[in-house]
């Protein structure tokens, strides 16, 4: 949480990274890239995602973790910088006005943005983001702290 907060607040990577993490960066306003020292253990990540109430899509691509209709995390693929060592998470950023129309519509549907006033419900925004951060934290804990 501290690493992501610093990334959003200061716009630069944190000095201290969680165990097993090599890089945390924000390639777009909607995505955070977390590069791990090892390939993502998809079995661990999938199990944690199910336990946290997410749906997981797998097929001819790397796992995508969904909260209803919205992808909240995905494992990197061959075409991504770190390949399968990357985990991309999709949070609602402070710069809500810079979101894609699709993500703004989802935010309005979930009460994160008031569709009439455009104001952000910070409580709902933080609840959504914290749930995604919890997924990553649980993965790090199981993969690197309690192997």
Protein backbone atom coordinates (compact mmCIF):
# COMPACT_ATOMS: atom_id res chain seq x y z
CA UNK A 1 0.00 0.00 0.00
CA UNK A 2 2.82 2.38 0.90
CA UNK A 3 4.56 1.75 -2.43
CA UNK A 4 1.40 2.44 -4.44
CA UNK A 5 0.53 5.53 -2.40
CA UNK A 6 3.96 7.00 -3.09
CA UNK A 7 3.64 6.18 -6.78
CA UNK A 8 0.29 7.99 -7.02
CA UNK A 9 1.19 10.93 -4.77
CA UNK A 10 4.72 11.65 -5.94
CA UNK A 11 4.57 10.19 -9.43
CA UNK A 12 7.81 8.28 -8.96
CA UNK A 13 8.68 4.74 -7.94
CA UNK A 14 8.97 4.10 -4.20
CA UNK A 15 12.42 3.70 -2.67
CA UNK A 16 11.46 0.59 -0.69
CA UNK A 17 9.72 -2.22 -2.54
CA UNK A 18 7.77 -5.15 -1.09
CA UNK A 19 9.48 -8.58 -0.96
CA UNK A 20 9.81 -10.23 -4.37
CA UNK A 21 9.05 -7.00 -6.26
CA UNK A 22 11.66 -5.50 -8.60
CA UNK A 23 9.73 -2.62 -10.15
CA UNK A 24 6.50 -0.73 -9.58
CA UNK A 25 5.55 1.80 -12.21
CA UNK A 26 2.54 3.49 -13.68
CA UNK A 27 2.64 3.07 -17.48
CA UNK A 28 -0.81 4.65 -17.94
CA UNK A 29 -3.25 6.60 -15.80
CA UNK A 30 -5.33 3.42 -15.40
CA UNK A 31 -2.62 0.79 -14.91
CA UNK A 32 0.09 -0.05 -12.41
CA UNK A 33 2.78 -2.53 -13.46
CA UNK A 34 4.33 -4.66 -10.73
CA UNK A 35 7.34 -6.66 -11.89
CA UNK A 36 8.24 -9.58 -9.66
CA UNK A 37 11.63 -11.30 -9.45
CA UNK A 38 10.00 -14.58 -10.56
CA UNK A 39 7.21 -15.48 -12.93
CA UNK A 40 3.77 -15.02 -11.38
CA UNK A 41 2.53 -18.24 -9.79
CA UNK A 42 -0.84 -18.30 -11.53
CA UNK A 43 -2.19 -21.06 -9.27
CA UNK A 44 -1.56 -19.02 -6.12
CA UNK A 45 -2.92 -15.82 -7.68
CA UNK A 46 -6.04 -17.57 -9.00
CA UNK A 47 -6.75 -19.25 -5.66
CA UNK A 48 -6.42 -15.96 -3.78
CA UNK A 49 -8.58 -14.17 -6.36
CA UNK A 50 -11.39 -16.71 -5.98
CA UNK A 51 -11.14 -16.53 -2.19
CA UNK A 52 -11.43 -12.71 -2.40
CA UNK A 53 -14.60 -12.97 -4.49
CA UNK A 54 -13.20 -12.24 -7.94
CA UNK A 55 -13.81 -14.12 -11.17
CA UNK A 56 -10.82 -15.37 -13.16
CA UNK A 57 -10.75 -15.66 -16.94
CA UNK A 58 -8.24 -18.05 -18.47
CA UNK A 59 -7.97 -19.46 -21.93
CA UNK A 60 -5.60 -18.69 -24.76
CA UNK A 61 -4.21 -15.81 -22.69
CA UNK A 62 -2.73 -15.16 -19.26
CA UNK A 63 -5.20 -14.93 -16.35
CA UNK A 64 -7.42 -11.87 -16.04
CA UNK A 65 -9.00 -11.19 -12.67
CA UNK A 66 -12.40 -9.53 -12.81
CA UNK A 67 -14.67 -7.79 -10.38
CA UNK A 68 -17.94 -8.31 -12.23
CA UNK A 69 -17.41 -6.73 -15.68
CA UNK A 70 -14.17 -4.93 -14.89
CA UNK A 71 -10.67 -6.39 -15.18
CA UNK A 72 -8.83 -5.43 -11.98
CA UNK A 73 -5.62 -7.38 -12.57
CA UNK A 74 -3.91 -9.44 -15.21
CA UNK A 75 -0.73 -11.43 -15.53
CA UNK A 76 1.67 -10.10 -18.15
CA UNK A 77 2.03 -11.84 -21.47
CA UNK A 78 5.00 -12.37 -23.81
CA UNK A 79 4.45 -8.95 -25.36
CA UNK A 80 4.66 -7.10 -22.01
CA UNK A 81 7.96 -5.69 -20.71
CA UNK A 82 8.49 -8.28 -17.99
CA UNK A 83 6.44 -11.03 -19.59
CA UNK A 84 4.89 -13.35 -17.01
CA UNK A 85 6.83 -11.63 -14.22
CA UNK A 86 4.47 -8.65 -14.56
CA UNK A 87 1.20 -8.19 -12.74
CA UNK A 88 -0.89 -5.29 -13.98
CA UNK A 89 -3.48 -3.88 -11.62
CA UNK A 90 -6.18 -1.42 -12.62
CA UNK A 91 -7.13 1.01 -9.88
CA UNK A 92 -9.29 4.12 -9.98
CA UNK A 93 -6.70 6.91 -9.85
CA UNK A 94 -6.97 10.36 -8.26
CA UNK A 95 -7.18 11.80 -11.79
CA UNK A 96 -10.67 10.43 -12.43
CA UNK A 97 -11.24 12.95 -15.20
CA UNK A 98 -8.46 11.26 -17.24
CA UNK A 99 -10.13 7.84 -17.25
CA UNK A 100 -11.39 6.24 -20.43
CA UNK A 101 -15.11 6.60 -21.08
CA UNK A 102 -15.56 2.89 -20.33
CA UNK A 103 -13.92 3.14 -16.90
CA UNK A 104 -15.82 6.36 -16.13
CA UNK A 105 -19.08 4.57 -16.94
CA UNK A 106 -18.15 1.69 -14.64
CA UNK A 107 -17.18 4.17 -11.90
CA UNK A 108 -20.57 5.88 -12.26
CA UNK A 109 -22.42 2.54 -12.20
CA UNK A 110 -20.60 1.58 -8.99
CA UNK A 111 -21.20 4.92 -7.28
CA UNK A 112 -17.55 5.95 -7.37
CA UNK A 113 -18.51 8.96 -9.51
CA UNK A 114 -21.82 10.77 -9.22
CA UNK A 115 -23.03 10.82 -12.85
CA UNK A 116 -24.93 14.09 -12.38
CA UNK A 117 -22.28 16.12 -10.57
CA UNK A 118 -19.09 14.31 -11.57
CA UNK A 119 -17.99 14.32 -7.93
CA UNK A 120 -15.97 11.40 -6.62
CA UNK A 121 -17.17 9.32 -3.68
CA UNK A 122 -13.80 8.86 -1.98
CA UNK A 123 -15.07 6.13 0.34
CA UNK A 124 -16.15 3.92 -2.58
CA UNK A 125 -13.03 4.74 -4.58
CA UNK A 126 -10.81 3.71 -1.66
CA UNK A 127 -12.86 0.56 -0.97
CA UNK A 128 -12.45 -0.56 -4.58
CA UNK A 129 -8.72 0.21 -4.69
CA UNK A 130 -8.00 -1.35 -1.30
CA UNK A 131 -9.66 -4.60 -2.37
CA UNK A 132 -7.33 -4.79 -5.39
CA UNK A 133 -4.30 -3.89 -3.28
CA UNK A 134 -5.31 -6.60 -0.80
CA UNK A 135 -5.20 -9.16 -3.63
CA UNK A 136 -1.61 -8.17 -4.43
CA UNK A 137 -0.63 -8.08 -0.75
CA UNK A 138 -2.01 -11.56 -0.14
CA UNK A 139 -0.13 -12.83 -3.20
CA UNK A 140 3.16 -11.31 -1.98
CA UNK A 141 2.60 -12.68 1.50
CA UNK A 142 1.94 -16.22 0.32
CA UNK A 143 4.55 -16.28 -2.45
CA UNK A 144 7.45 -14.53 -0.75
CA UNK A 145 6.86 -14.33 2.99
CA UNK A 146 5.24 -17.73 3.73
CA UNK A 147 6.45 -20.03 0.94
